Amino acid sequence: MTSQPPEPPRRAKHLMDPNQPRPRTSPEDIARLEKVQRRVLTALTVTTILHLSAGLAIASDYIDRERTDAIIGLNVLAAAFGVCAVASGLAIYKKSLASPLLLLGLIPGIAGLVWVLG
C-alpha cells in the first residue's frame, strides 16, 4: 500500500497567499485616492464650520430685541466663521486665500441680520 502525501490545508480566501501577492499600487491609484481624501476632508471641514456659523446666526434670534449690540455681535461672529469655513476649503486645495470666494462666507452673518432685524 502506497501512502499518498497529505494535501496541504486550504487557505482561507481572506488571508494573504504568498504565491499570489497583491498587485502593486499604481501612481494613478494613489493620485485618485488622494483626490477623494481631499474632497472628503473639505466636505467635513467646511460643513462643520458652517454649522457653527449658522448656529451663531440662529442664536442671535433668541436674544432680546433690545440688545441690538449682542445680535450684531453674534452675526459678525457668524460671518467671520463663514469666511473661515471657505478659507479652510481653499487651504485644503492649496488655492490662494485672497479670493472673491471668501465673500460667500459672509452669507450666514448677513442672512442672520436680515432674519432677526429685518
PDB file of N, CA and C in Angstrom:
ATOM      1  N   MET A   1       0.830  -1.156   0.000  1.00  0.00           N
ATOM      2  CA  MET A   1       0.000   0.000   0.000  1.00  0.00           C
ATOM      3  C   MET A   1       0.891   1.241   0.000  1.00  0.00           C
ATOM      4  N   THR A   2       0.670   2.124  -0.962  1.00  0.00           N
ATOM      5  CA  THR A   2       1.457   3.347  -1.036  1.00  0.00           C
ATOM      6  C   THR A   2       0.695   4.460  -0.343  1.00  0.00           C
ATOM      7  N   SER A   3       1.412   5.166   0.449  1.00  0.00           N
ATOM      8  CA  SER A   3       0.741   6.268   1.128  1.00  0.00           C
ATOM      9  C   SER A   3       0.893   7.545   0.304  1.00  0.00           C
ATOM     10  N   GLN A   4      -0.195   8.231   0.172  1.00  0.00           N
ATOM     11  CA  GLN A   4      -0.183   9.498  -0.573  1.00  0.00           C
ATOM     12  C   GLN A   4       0.198  10.615   0.385  1.00  0.00           C
ATOM     13  N   PRO A   5       0.950  11.610  -0.128  1.00  0.00           N
ATOM     14  CA  PRO A   5       1.283  12.720   0.774  1.00  0.00           C
ATOM     15  C   PRO A   5       0.004  13.476   1.137  1.00  0.00           C
ATOM     16  N   PRO A   6      -0.066  13.961   2.349  1.00  0.00           N
ATOM     17  CA  PRO A   6      -1.290  14.692   2.750  1.00  0.00           C
ATOM     18  C   PRO A   6      -1.422  15.990   1.956  1.00  0.00           C
ATOM     19  N   GLU A   7      -2.665  16.316   1.653  1.00  0.00           N
ATOM     20  CA  GLU A   7      -2.931  17.574   0.926  1.00  0.00           C
ATOM     21  C   GLU A   7      -2.624  18.751   1.839  1.00  0.00           C
ATOM     22  N   PRO A   8      -2.069  19.808   1.261  1.00  0.00           N
ATOM     23  CA  PRO A   8      -1.833  20.987   2.111  1.00  0.00           C
ATOM     24  C   PRO A   8      -3.182  21.582   2.529  1.00  0.00           C
ATOM     25  N   PRO A   9      -3.221  22.139   3.707  1.00  0.00           N
ATOM     26  CA  PRO A   9      -4.508  22.716   4.159  1.00  0.00           C
ATOM     27  C   PRO A   9      -4.931  23.862   3.246  1.00  0.00           C
ATOM     28  N   ARG A  10      -6.223  23.936   3.029  1.00  0.00           N
ATOM     29  CA  ARG A  10      -6.748  25.020   2.179  1.00  0.00           C
ATOM     30  C   ARG A  10      -6.615  26.343   2.913  1.00  0.00           C
ATOM     31  N   ARG A  11      -6.183  27.335   2.169  1.00  0.00           N
ATOM     32  CA  ARG A  11      -6.010  28.659   2.744  1.00  0.00           C
ATOM     33  C   ARG A  11      -7.328  29.429   2.612  1.00  0.00           C
ATOM     34  N   ALA A  12      -7.722  30.080   3.678  1.00  0.00           N
ATOM     35  CA  ALA A  12      -8.947  30.887   3.632  1.00  0.00           C
ATOM     36  C   ALA A  12      -8.749  32.027   2.639  1.00  0.00           C
ATOM     37  N   LYS A  13      -9.825  32.381   1.943  1.00  0.00           N
ATOM     38  CA  LYS A  13      -9.719  33.376   0.871  1.00  0.00           C
ATOM     39  C   LYS A  13      -9.376  34.773   1.388  1.00  0.00           C
ATOM     40  N   HIS A  14      -9.703  35.070   2.637  1.00  0.00           N
ATOM     41  CA  HIS A  14      -9.435  36.414   3.139  1.00  0.00           C
ATOM     42  C   HIS A  14      -7.996  36.588   3.621  1.00  0.00           C
ATOM     43  N   LEU A  15      -7.227  35.510   3.615  1.00  0.00           N
ATOM     44  CA  LEU A  15      -5.833  35.613   4.037  1.00  0.00           C
ATOM     45  C   LEU A  15      -4.918  35.826   2.835  1.00  0.00           C
ATOM     46  N   MET A  16      -3.744  36.368   3.097  1.00  0.00           N
ATOM     47  CA  MET A  16      -2.783  36.608   2.031  1.00  0.00           C
ATOM     48  C   MET A  16      -2.211  35.275   1.544  1.00  0.00           C
ATOM     49  N   ASP A  17      -2.036  35.169   0.247  1.00  0.00           N
ATOM     50  CA  ASP A  17      -1.423  33.986  -0.345  1.00  0.00           C
ATOM     51  C   ASP A  17      -0.026  34.371  -0.805  1.00  0.00           C
ATOM     52  N   PRO A  18       1.019  33.794  -0.210  1.00  0.00           N
ATOM     53  CA  PRO A  18       2.373  34.187  -0.602  1.00  0.00           C
ATOM     54  C   PRO A  18       2.701  33.833  -2.056  1.00  0.00           C
ATOM     55  N   ASN A  19       1.975  32.893  -2.627  1.00  0.00           N
ATOM     56  CA  ASN A  19       2.219  32.515  -4.015  1.00  0.00           C
ATOM     57  C   ASN A  19       1.555  33.467  -5.004  1.00  0.00           C
ATOM     58  N   GLN A  20       0.615  34.256  -4.535  1.00  0.00           N
ATOM     59  CA  GLN A  20      -0.074  35.232  -5.390  1.00  0.00           C
ATOM     60  C   GLN A  20      -0.157  36.568  -4.662  1.00  0.00           C
ATOM     61  N   PRO A  21       0.921  37.323  -4.660  1.00  0.00           N
ATOM     62  CA  PRO A  21       0.892  38.608  -3.947  1.00  0.00           C
ATOM     63  C   PRO A  21      -0.033  39.601  -4.644  1.00  0.00           C
ATOM     64  N   ARG A  22      -0.462  40.587  -3.863  1.00  0.00           N
ATOM     65  CA  ARG A  22      -1.318  41.636  -4.420  1.00  0.00           C
ATOM     66  C   ARG A  22      -0.548  42.415  -5.471  1.00  0.00           C
ATOM     67  N   PRO A  23      -1.259  42.909  -6.483  1.00  0.00           N
ATOM     68  CA  PRO A  23      -0.552  43.725  -7.476  1.00  0.00           C
ATOM     69  C   PRO A  23      -0.100  45.049  -6.853  1.00  0.00           C
ATOM     70  N   ARG A  24       0.969  45.594  -7.397  1.00  0.00           N
ATOM     71  CA  ARG A  24       1.483  46.868  -6.888  1.00  0.00           C
ATOM     72  C   ARG A  24       0.493  47.987  -7.154  1.00  0.00           C
ATOM     73  N   THR A  25       0.485  48.955  -6.249  1.00  0.00           N
ATOM     74  CA  THR A  25      -0.380  50.112  -6.411  1.00  0.00           C
ATOM     75  C   THR A  25       0.242  51.060  -7.421  1.00  0.00           C
ATOM     76  N   SER A  26      -0.550  51.465  -8.383  1.00  0.00           N
ATOM     77  CA  SER A  26      -0.033  52.343  -9.424  1.00  0.00           C
ATOM     78  C   SER A  26      -0.099  53.808  -8.961  1.00  0.00           C
ATOM     79  N   PRO A  27       0.715  54.665  -9.537  1.00  0.00           N
ATOM     80  CA  PRO A  27       0.665  56.089  -9.178  1.00  0.00           C
ATOM     81  C   PRO A  27      -0.708  56.707  -9.469  1.00  0.00           C
ATOM     82  N   GLU A  28      -1.405  56.203 -10.490  1.00  0.00           N
ATOM     83  CA  GLU A  28      -2.740  56.726 -10.793  1.00  0.00           C
ATOM     84  C   GLU A  28      -3.714  56.397  -9.663  1.00  0.00           C
ATOM     85  N   ASP A  29      -3.581  55.190  -9.088  1.00  0.00           N
ATOM     86  CA  ASP A  29      -4.453  54.815  -7.976  1.00  0.00           C
ATOM     87  C   ASP A  29      -4.194  55.692  -6.757  1.00  0.00           C
ATOM     88  N   ILE A  30      -2.934  55.982  -6.499  1.00  0.00           N
ATOM     89  CA  ILE A  30      -2.589  56.829  -5.357  1.00  0.00           C
ATOM     90  C   ILE A  30      -3.113  58.246  -5.575  1.00  0.00           C
ATOM     91  N   ALA A  31      -2.982  58.762  -6.792  1.00  0.00           N
ATOM     92  CA  ALA A  31      -3.488  60.109  -7.081  1.00  0.00           C
ATOM     93  C   ALA A  31      -5.006  60.159  -6.924  1.00  0.00           C
ATOM     94  N   ARG A  32      -5.680  59.110  -7.360  1.00  0.00           N
ATOM     95  CA  ARG A  32      -7.138  59.056  -7.232  1.00  0.00           C
ATOM     96  C   ARG A  32      -7.552  59.013  -5.760  1.00  0.00           C
ATOM     97  N   LEU A  33      -6.818  58.238  -4.962  1.00  0.00           N
ATOM     98  CA  LEU A  33      -7.111  58.149  -3.535  1.00  0.00           C
ATOM     99  C   LEU A  33      -6.898  59.492  -2.847  1.00  0.00           C
ATOM    100  N   GLU A  34      -5.816  60.185  -3.177  1.00  0.00           N
ATOM    101  CA  GLU A  34      -5.558  61.492  -2.575  1.00  0.00           C
ATOM    102  C   GLU A  34      -6.637  62.494  -2.955  1.00  0.00           C
ATOM    103  N   LYS A  35      -7.134  62.414  -4.178  1.00  0.00           N
ATOM    104  CA  LYS A  35      -8.194  63.316  -4.623  1.00  0.00           C
ATOM    105  C   LYS A  35      -9.477  63.090  -3.821  1.00  0.00           C
ATOM    106  N   VAL A  36      -9.808  61.823  -3.602  1.00  0.00           N
ATOM    107  CA  VAL A  36     -11.009  61.503  -2.824  1.00  0.00           C
ATOM    108  C   VAL A  36     -10.829  61.933  -1.371  1.00  0.00           C
ATOM    109  N   GLN A  37      -9.648  61.697  -0.817  1.00  0.00           N
ATOM    110  CA  GLN A  37      -9.392  62.105   0.562  1.00  0.00           C
ATOM    111  C   GLN A  37      -9.514  63.613   0.716  1.00  0.00           C
ATOM    112  N   ARG A  38      -9.006  64.366  -0.256  1.00  0.00           N
ATOM    113  CA  ARG A  38      -9.090  65.822  -0.196  1.00  0.00           C
ATOM    114  C   ARG A  38     -10.548  66.276  -0.248  1.00  0.00           C
ATOM    115  N   ARG A  39     -11.359  65.648  -1.098  1.00  0.00           N
ATOM    116  CA  ARG A  39     -12.771  66.022  -1.191  1.00  0.00           C
ATOM    117  C   ARG A  39     -13.512  65.733   0.102  1.00  0.00           C
ATOM    118  N   VAL A  40     -13.262  64.575   0.692  1.00  0.00           N
ATOM    119  CA  VAL A  40     -13.933  64.220   1.946  1.00  0.00           C
ATOM    120  C   VAL A  40     -13.515  65.163   3.067  1.00  0.00           C
ATOM    121  N   LEU A  41     -12.225  65.448   3.168  1.00  0.00           N
ATOM    122  CA  LEU A  41     -11.743  66.364   4.197  1.00  0.00           C
ATOM    123  C   LEU A  41     -12.345  67.754   4.027  1.00  0.00           C
ATOM    124  N   THR A  42     -12.434  68.225   2.795  1.00  0.00           N
ATOM    125  CA  THR A  42     -13.024  69.537   2.543  1.00  0.00           C
ATOM    126  C   THR A  42     -14.495  69.552   2.935  1.00  0.00           C
ATOM    127  N   ALA A  43     -15.226  68.528   2.546  1.00  0.00           N
ATOM    128  CA  ALA A  43     -16.653  68.472   2.872  1.00  0.00           C
ATOM    129  C   ALA A  43     -16.868  68.467   4.381  1.00  0.00           C
ATOM    130  N   LEU A  44     -16.109  67.665   5.094  1.00  0.00           N
ATOM    131  CA  LEU A  44     -16.272  67.598   6.548  1.00  0.00           C
ATOM    132  C   LEU A  44     -15.889  68.910   7.225  1.00  0.00           C
ATOM    133  N   THR A  45     -14.779  69.494   6.817  1.00  0.00           N
ATOM    134  CA  THR A  45     -14.309  70.723   7.446  1.00  0.00           C
ATOM    135  C   THR A  45     -15.260  71.877   7.188  1.00  0.00           C
ATOM    136  N   VAL A  46     -15.616  72.078   5.931  1.00  0.00           N
ATOM    137  CA  VAL A  46     -16.462  73.230   5.586  1.00  0.00           C
ATOM    138  C   VAL A  46     -17.844  73.092   6.206  1.00  0.00           C
ATOM    139  N   THR A  47     -18.449  71.907   6.137  1.00  0.00           N
ATOM    140  CA  THR A  47     -19.797  71.770   6.709  1.00  0.00           C
ATOM    141  C   THR A  47     -19.782  71.906   8.224  1.00  0.00           C
ATOM    142  N   THR A  48     -18.731  71.417   8.886  1.00  0.00           N
ATOM    143  CA  THR A  48     -18.667  71.556  10.342  1.00  0.00           C
ATOM    144  C   THR A  48     -18.578  73.020  10.750  1.00  0.00           C
ATOM    145  N   ILE A  49     -17.707  73.774  10.087  1.00  0.00           N
ATOM    146  CA  ILE A  49     -17.554  75.191  10.449  1.00  0.00           C
ATOM    147  C   ILE A  49     -18.805  75.978  10.052  1.00  0.00           C
ATOM    148  N   LEU A  50     -19.428  75.633   8.929  1.00  0.00           N
ATOM    149  CA  LEU A  50     -20.657  76.331   8.536  1.00  0.00           C
ATOM    150  C   LEU A  50     -21.810  76.036   9.498  1.00  0.00           C
ATOM    151  N   HIS A  51     -21.831  74.844  10.084  1.00  0.00           N
ATOM    152  CA  HIS A  51     -22.847  74.564  11.099  1.00  0.00           C
ATOM    153  C   HIS A  51     -22.653  75.471  12.318  1.00  0.00           C
ATOM    154  N   LEU A  52     -21.408  75.673  12.704  1.00  0.00           N
ATOM    155  CA  LEU A  52     -21.128  76.600  13.807  1.00  0.00           C
ATOM    156  C   LEU A  52     -21.577  78.006  13.446  1.00  0.00           C
ATOM    157  N   SER A  53     -21.287  78.416  12.226  1.00  0.00           N
ATOM    158  CA  SER A  53     -21.664  79.754  11.775  1.00  0.00           C
ATOM    159  C   SER A  53     -23.188  79.915  11.762  1.00  0.00           C
ATOM    160  N   ALA A  54     -23.877  78.932  11.232  1.00  0.00           N
ATOM    161  CA  ALA A  54     -25.344  79.005  11.205  1.00  0.00           C
ATOM    162  C   ALA A  54     -25.925  78.964  12.619  1.00  0.00           C
ATOM    163  N   GLY A  55     -25.287  78.207  13.506  1.00  0.00           N
ATOM    164  CA  GLY A  55     -25.745  78.166  14.895  1.00  0.00           C
ATOM    165  C   GLY A  55     -25.630  79.520  15.580  1.00  0.00           C
ATOM    166  N   LEU A  56     -24.572  80.245  15.291  1.00  0.00           N
ATOM    167  CA  LEU A  56     -24.423  81.588  15.866  1.00  0.00           C
ATOM    168  C   LEU A  56     -25.490  82.537  15.315  1.00  0.00           C
ATOM    169  N   ALA A  57     -25.780  82.418  14.020  1.00  0.00           N
ATOM    170  CA  ALA A  57     -26.814  83.277  13.431  1.00  0.00           C
ATOM    171  C   ALA A  57     -28.188  82.946  14.023  1.00  0.00           C
ATOM    172  N   ILE A  58     -28.449  81.673  14.225  1.00  0.00           N
ATOM    173  CA  ILE A  58     -29.739  81.278  14.812  1.00  0.00           C
ATOM    174  C   ILE A  58     -29.812  81.697  16.270  1.00  0.00           C
ATOM    175  N   ALA A  59     -28.691  81.612  16.986  1.00  0.00           N
ATOM    176  CA  ALA A  59     -28.680  82.019  18.399  1.00  0.00           C
ATOM    177  C   ALA A  59     -28.996  83.497  18.557  1.00  0.00           C
ATOM    178  N   SER A  60     -28.672  84.292  17.563  1.00  0.00           N
ATOM    179  CA  SER A  60     -28.968  85.724  17.671  1.00  0.00           C
ATOM    180  C   SER A  60     -30.469  85.997  17.654  1.00  0.00           C
ATOM    181  N   ASP A  61     -31.258  85.036  17.194  1.00  0.00           N
ATOM    182  CA  ASP A  61     -32.714  85.196  17.195  1.00  0.00           C
ATOM    183  C   ASP A  61     -33.296  85.045  18.603  1.00  0.00           C
ATOM    184  N   TYR A  62     -32.573  84.400  19.504  1.00  0.00           N
ATOM    185  CA  TYR A  62     -33.076  84.150  20.853  1.00  0.00           C
ATOM    186  C   TYR A  62     -32.654  85.222  21.851  1.00  0.00           C
ATOM    187  N   ILE A  63     -31.994  86.256  21.373  1.00  0.00           N
ATOM    188  CA  ILE A  63     -31.572  87.353  22.241  1.00  0.00           C
ATOM    189  C   ILE A  63     -32.663  88.414  22.232  1.00  0.00           C
ATOM    190  N   ASP A  64     -32.828  89.059  23.371  1.00  0.00           N
ATOM    191  CA  ASP A  64     -33.816  90.126  23.484  1.00  0.00           C
ATOM    192  C   ASP A  64     -33.566  91.181  22.406  1.00  0.00           C
ATOM    193  N   ARG A  65     -34.628  91.622  21.754  1.00  0.00           N
ATOM    194  CA  ARG A  65     -34.516  92.553  20.625  1.00  0.00           C
ATOM    195  C   ARG A  65     -33.922  93.903  21.029  1.00  0.00           C
ATOM    196  N   GLU A  66     -33.964  94.225  22.310  1.00  0.00           N
ATOM    197  CA  GLU A  66     -33.378  95.486  22.762  1.00  0.00           C
ATOM    198  C   GLU A  66     -31.856  95.409  22.806  1.00  0.00           C
ATOM    199  N   ARG A  67     -31.303  94.207  22.801  1.00  0.00           N
ATOM    200  CA  ARG A  67     -29.842  94.022  22.821  1.00  0.00           C
ATOM    201  C   ARG A  67     -29.315  93.926  21.394  1.00  0.00           C
ATOM    202  N   THR A  68     -29.458  95.010  20.644  1.00  0.00           N
ATOM    203  CA  THR A  68     -29.022  95.036  19.246  1.00  0.00           C
ATOM    204  C   THR A  68     -27.522  94.796  19.131  1.00  0.00           C
ATOM    205  N   ASP A  69     -26.763  95.267  20.109  1.00  0.00           N
ATOM    206  CA  ASP A  69     -25.319  95.061  20.063  1.00  0.00           C
ATOM    207  C   ASP A  69     -24.962  93.581  20.108  1.00  0.00           C
ATOM    208  N   ALA A  70     -25.656  92.809  20.933  1.00  0.00           N
ATOM    209  CA  ALA A  70     -25.387  91.371  21.031  1.00  0.00           C
ATOM    210  C   ALA A  70     -25.825  90.650  19.754  1.00  0.00           C
ATOM    211  N   ILE A  71     -26.946  91.086  19.183  1.00  0.00           N
ATOM    212  CA  ILE A  71     -27.427  90.479  17.939  1.00  0.00           C
ATOM    213  C   ILE A  71     -26.425  90.715  16.818  1.00  0.00           C
ATOM    214  N   ILE A  72     -25.967  91.957  16.702  1.00  0.00           N
ATOM    215  CA  ILE A  72     -24.992  92.278  15.652  1.00  0.00           C
ATOM    216  C   ILE A  72     -23.678  91.550  15.919  1.00  0.00           C
ATOM    217  N   GLY A  73     -23.275  91.468  17.169  1.00  0.00           N
ATOM    218  CA  GLY A  73     -22.026  90.770  17.510  1.00  0.00           C
ATOM    219  C   GLY A  73     -22.050  89.300  17.129  1.00  0.00           C
ATOM    220  N   LEU A  74     -23.155  88.624  17.437  1.00  0.00           N
ATOM    221  CA  LEU A  74     -23.246  87.212  17.071  1.00  0.00           C
ATOM    222  C   LEU A  74     -23.246  87.019  15.556  1.00  0.00           C
ATOM    223  N   ASN A  75     -23.887  87.917  14.852  1.00  0.00           N
ATOM    224  CA  ASN A  75     -23.913  87.786  13.398  1.00  0.00           C
ATOM    225  C   ASN A  75     -22.573  88.142  12.765  1.00  0.00           C
ATOM    226  N   VAL A  76     -21.825  89.037  13.387  1.00  0.00           N
ATOM    227  CA  VAL A  76     -20.465  89.306  12.909  1.00  0.00           C
ATOM    228  C   VAL A  76     -19.592  88.069  13.127  1.00  0.00           C
ATOM    229  N   LEU A  77     -19.762  87.421  14.281  1.00  0.00           N
ATOM    230  CA  LEU A  77     -19.034  86.174  14.521  1.00  0.00           C
ATOM    231  C   LEU A  77     -19.453  85.090  13.527  1.00  0.00           C
ATOM    232  N   ALA A  78     -20.751  85.024  13.208  1.00  0.00           N
ATOM    233  CA  ALA A  78     -21.225  84.045  12.224  1.00  0.00           C
ATOM    234  C   ALA A  78     -20.588  84.297  10.863  1.00  0.00           C
ATOM    235  N   ALA A  79     -20.490  85.565  10.481  1.00  0.00           N
ATOM    236  CA  ALA A  79     -19.845  85.896   9.205  1.00  0.00           C
ATOM    237  C   ALA A  79     -18.357  85.557   9.247  1.00  0.00           C
ATOM    238  N   ALA A  80     -17.707  85.821  10.369  1.00  0.00           N
ATOM    239  CA  ALA A  80     -16.275  85.513  10.484  1.00  0.00           C
ATOM    240  C   ALA A  80     -16.025  84.012  10.380  1.00  0.00           C
ATOM    241  N   PHE A  81     -16.857  83.213  11.039  1.00  0.00           N
ATOM    242  CA  PHE A  81     -16.689  81.766  10.935  1.00  0.00           C
ATOM    243  C   PHE A  81     -17.049  81.267   9.542  1.00  0.00           C
ATOM    244  N   GLY A  82     -17.991  81.916   8.879  1.00  0.00           N
ATOM    245  CA  GLY A  82     -18.298  81.551   7.494  1.00  0.00           C
ATOM    246  C   GLY A  82     -17.109  81.791   6.584  1.00  0.00           C
ATOM    247  N   VAL A  83     -16.443  82.913   6.774  1.00  0.00           N
ATOM    248  CA  VAL A  83     -15.242  83.202   5.984  1.00  0.00           C
ATOM    249  C   VAL A  83     -14.153  82.173   6.309  1.00  0.00           C
ATOM    250  N   CYS A  84     -14.027  81.793   7.574  1.00  0.00           N
ATOM    251  CA  CYS A  84     -13.048  80.763   7.949  1.00  0.00           C
ATOM    252  C   CYS A  84     -13.368  79.426   7.287  1.00  0.00           C
ATOM    253  N   ALA A  85     -14.643  79.095   7.154  1.00  0.00           N
ATOM    254  CA  ALA A  85     -15.038  77.845   6.502  1.00  0.00           C
ATOM    255  C   ALA A  85     -14.602  77.832   5.044  1.00  0.00           C
ATOM    256  N   VAL A  86     -14.867  78.921   4.340  1.00  0.00           N
ATOM    257  CA  VAL A  86     -14.473  78.997   2.927  1.00  0.00           C
ATOM    258  C   VAL A  86     -12.949  79.013   2.812  1.00  0.00           C
ATOM    259  N   ALA A  87     -12.282  79.727   3.703  1.00  0.00           N
ATOM    260  CA  ALA A  87     -10.817  79.789   3.668  1.00  0.00           C
ATOM    261  C   ALA A  87     -10.205  78.416   3.928  1.00  0.00           C
ATOM    262  N   SER A  88     -10.807  77.641   4.825  1.00  0.00           N
ATOM    263  CA  SER A  88     -10.264  76.300   5.090  1.00  0.00           C
ATOM    264  C   SER A  88     -10.422  75.399   3.869  1.00  0.00           C
ATOM    265  N   GLY A  89     -11.539  75.531   3.165  1.00  0.00           N
ATOM    266  CA  GLY A  89     -11.708  74.763   1.930  1.00  0.00           C
ATOM    267  C   GLY A  89     -10.684  75.145   0.886  1.00  0.00           C
ATOM    268  N   LEU A  90     -10.408  76.428   0.761  1.00  0.00           N
ATOM    269  CA  LEU A  90      -9.388  76.881  -0.190  1.00  0.00           C
ATOM    270  C   LEU A  90      -7.996  76.406   0.227  1.00  0.00           C
ATOM    271  N   ALA A  91      -7.727  76.409   1.524  1.00  0.00           N
ATOM    272  CA  ALA A  91      -6.409  75.991   2.008  1.00  0.00           C
ATOM    273  C   ALA A  91      -6.176  74.496   1.775  1.00  0.00           C
ATOM    274  N   ILE A  92      -7.219  73.690   1.930  1.00  0.00           N
ATOM    275  CA  ILE A  92      -7.067  72.256   1.705  1.00  0.00           C
ATOM    276  C   ILE A  92      -6.691  71.987   0.255  1.00  0.00           C
ATOM    277  N   TYR A  93      -7.261  72.760  -0.665  1.00  0.00           N
ATOM    278  CA  TYR A  93      -6.934  72.600  -2.081  1.00  0.00           C
ATOM    279  C   TYR A  93      -5.702  73.415  -2.490  1.00  0.00           C
ATOM    280  N   LYS A  94      -5.043  74.040  -1.524  1.00  0.00           N
ATOM    281  CA  LYS A  94      -3.829  74.828  -1.757  1.00  0.00           C
ATOM    282  C   LYS A  94      -4.057  75.938  -2.779  1.00  0.00           C
ATOM    283  N   LYS A  95      -5.217  76.576  -2.665  1.00  0.00           N
ATOM    284  CA  LYS A  95      -5.539  77.721  -3.519  1.00  0.00           C
ATOM    285  C   LYS A  95      -5.214  79.001  -2.756  1.00  0.00           C
ATOM    286  N   SER A  96      -5.146  80.096  -3.475  1.00  0.00           N
ATOM    287  CA  SER A  96      -4.856  81.380  -2.854  1.00  0.00           C
ATOM    288  C   SER A  96      -6.007  81.791  -1.939  1.00  0.00           C
ATOM    289  N   LEU A  97      -5.670  82.275  -0.750  1.00  0.00           N
ATOM    290  CA  LEU A  97      -6.702  82.699   0.187  1.00  0.00           C
ATOM    291  C   LEU A  97      -7.250  84.081  -0.163  1.00  0.00           C
ATOM    292  N   ALA A  98      -6.559  84.807  -1.009  1.00  0.00           N
ATOM    293  CA  ALA A  98      -7.060  86.101  -1.475  1.00  0.00           C
ATOM    294  C   ALA A  98      -7.959  85.831  -2.677  1.00  0.00           C
ATOM    295  N   SER A  99      -9.188  85.446  -2.386  1.00  0.00           N
ATOM    296  CA  SER A  99     -10.105  85.025  -3.440  1.00  0.00           C
ATOM    297  C   SER A  99     -11.472  85.665  -3.207  1.00  0.00           C
ATOM    298  N   PRO A 100     -12.177  85.972  -4.290  1.00  0.00           N
ATOM    299  CA  PRO A 100     -13.529  86.501  -4.118  1.00  0.00           C
ATOM    300  C   PRO A 100     -14.499  85.464  -3.540  1.00  0.00           C
ATOM    301  N   LEU A 101     -14.104  84.205  -3.515  1.00  0.00           N
ATOM    302  CA  LEU A 101     -14.953  83.176  -2.915  1.00  0.00           C
ATOM    303  C   LEU A 101     -15.148  83.397  -1.415  1.00  0.00           C
ATOM    304  N   LEU A 102     -14.233  84.119  -0.792  1.00  0.00           N
ATOM    305  CA  LEU A 102     -14.368  84.395   0.644  1.00  0.00           C
ATOM    306  C   LEU A 102     -15.639  85.181   0.949  1.00  0.00           C
ATOM    307  N   LEU A 103     -16.141  85.906  -0.032  1.00  0.00           N
ATOM    308  CA  LEU A 103     -17.386  86.663   0.181  1.00  0.00           C
ATOM    309  C   LEU A 103     -18.567  85.734   0.445  1.00  0.00           C
ATOM    310  N   LEU A 104     -18.482  84.486  -0.017  1.00  0.00           N
ATOM    311  CA  LEU A 104     -19.547  83.523   0.271  1.00  0.00           C
ATOM    312  C   LEU A 104     -19.669  83.257   1.767  1.00  0.00           C
ATOM    313  N   GLY A 105     -18.567  83.386   2.481  1.00  0.00           N
ATOM    314  CA  GLY A 105     -18.583  83.165   3.916  1.00  0.00           C
ATOM    315  C   GLY A 105     -19.374  84.210   4.689  1.00  0.00           C
ATOM    316  N   LEU A 106     -19.648  85.355   4.069  1.00  0.00           N
ATOM    317  CA  LEU A 106     -20.424  86.401   4.747  1.00  0.00           C
ATOM    318  C   LEU A 106     -21.920  86.094   4.766  1.00  0.00           C
ATOM    319  N   ILE A 107     -22.343  85.137   3.966  1.00  0.00           N
ATOM    320  CA  ILE A 107     -23.782  84.854   3.830  1.00  0.00           C
ATOM    321  C   ILE A 107     -24.455  84.504   5.153  1.00  0.00           C
ATOM    322  N   PRO A 108     -23.894  83.621   6.012  1.00  0.00           N
ATOM    323  CA  PRO A 108     -24.600  83.327   7.275  1.00  0.00           C
ATOM    324  C   PRO A 108     -24.810  84.554   8.155  1.00  0.00           C
ATOM    325  N   GLY A 109     -23.814  85.429   8.246  1.00  0.00           N
ATOM    326  CA  GLY A 109     -23.951  86.622   9.079  1.00  0.00           C
ATOM    327  C   GLY A 109     -24.965  87.601   8.521  1.00  0.00           C
ATOM    328  N   ILE A 110     -24.924  87.826   7.206  1.00  0.00           N
ATOM    329  CA  ILE A 110     -25.887  88.743   6.581  1.00  0.00           C
ATOM    330  C   ILE A 110     -27.298  88.178   6.665  1.00  0.00           C
ATOM    331  N   ALA A 111     -27.429  86.881   6.393  1.00  0.00           N
ATOM    332  CA  ALA A 111     -28.756  86.260   6.469  1.00  0.00           C
ATOM    333  C   ALA A 111     -29.301  86.318   7.895  1.00  0.00           C
ATOM    334  N   GLY A 112     -28.418  86.137   8.873  1.00  0.00           N
ATOM    335  CA  GLY A 112     -28.856  86.229  10.278  1.00  0.00           C
ATOM    336  C   GLY A 112     -29.329  87.627  10.634  1.00  0.00           C
ATOM    337  N   LEU A 113     -28.616  88.641  10.171  1.00  0.00           N
ATOM    338  CA  LEU A 113     -29.036  90.030  10.446  1.00  0.00           C
ATOM    339  C   LEU A 113     -30.374  90.338   9.784  1.00  0.00           C
ATOM    340  N   VAL A 114     -30.521  89.929   8.541  1.00  0.00           N
ATOM    341  CA  VAL A 114     -31.789  90.183   7.832  1.00  0.00           C
ATOM    342  C   VAL A 114     -32.929  89.442   8.517  1.00  0.00           C
ATOM    343  N   TRP A 115     -32.666  88.234   8.954  1.00  0.00           N
ATOM    344  CA  TRP A 115     -33.715  87.413   9.581  1.00  0.00           C
ATOM    345  C   TRP A 115     -34.146  87.980  10.927  1.00  0.00           C
ATOM    346  N   VAL A 116     -33.180  88.409  11.720  1.00  0.00           N
ATOM    347  CA  VAL A 116     -33.507  88.856  13.078  1.00  0.00           C
ATOM    348  C   VAL A 116     -33.961  90.317  13.092  1.00  0.00           C
ATOM    349  N   LEU A 117     -33.247  91.175  12.396  1.00  0.00           N
ATOM    350  CA  LEU A 117     -33.552  92.598  12.457  1.00  0.00           C
ATOM    351  C   LEU A 117     -34.487  93.072  11.337  1.00  0.00           C
ATOM    352  N   GLY A 118     -34.643  92.245  10.311  1.00  0.00           N
ATOM    353  CA  GLY A 118     -35.406  92.649   9.131  1.00  0.00           C
ATOM    354  C   GLY A 118     -36.873  92.588   9.264  1.00  0.00           C
TER     355      GLY A 118
END
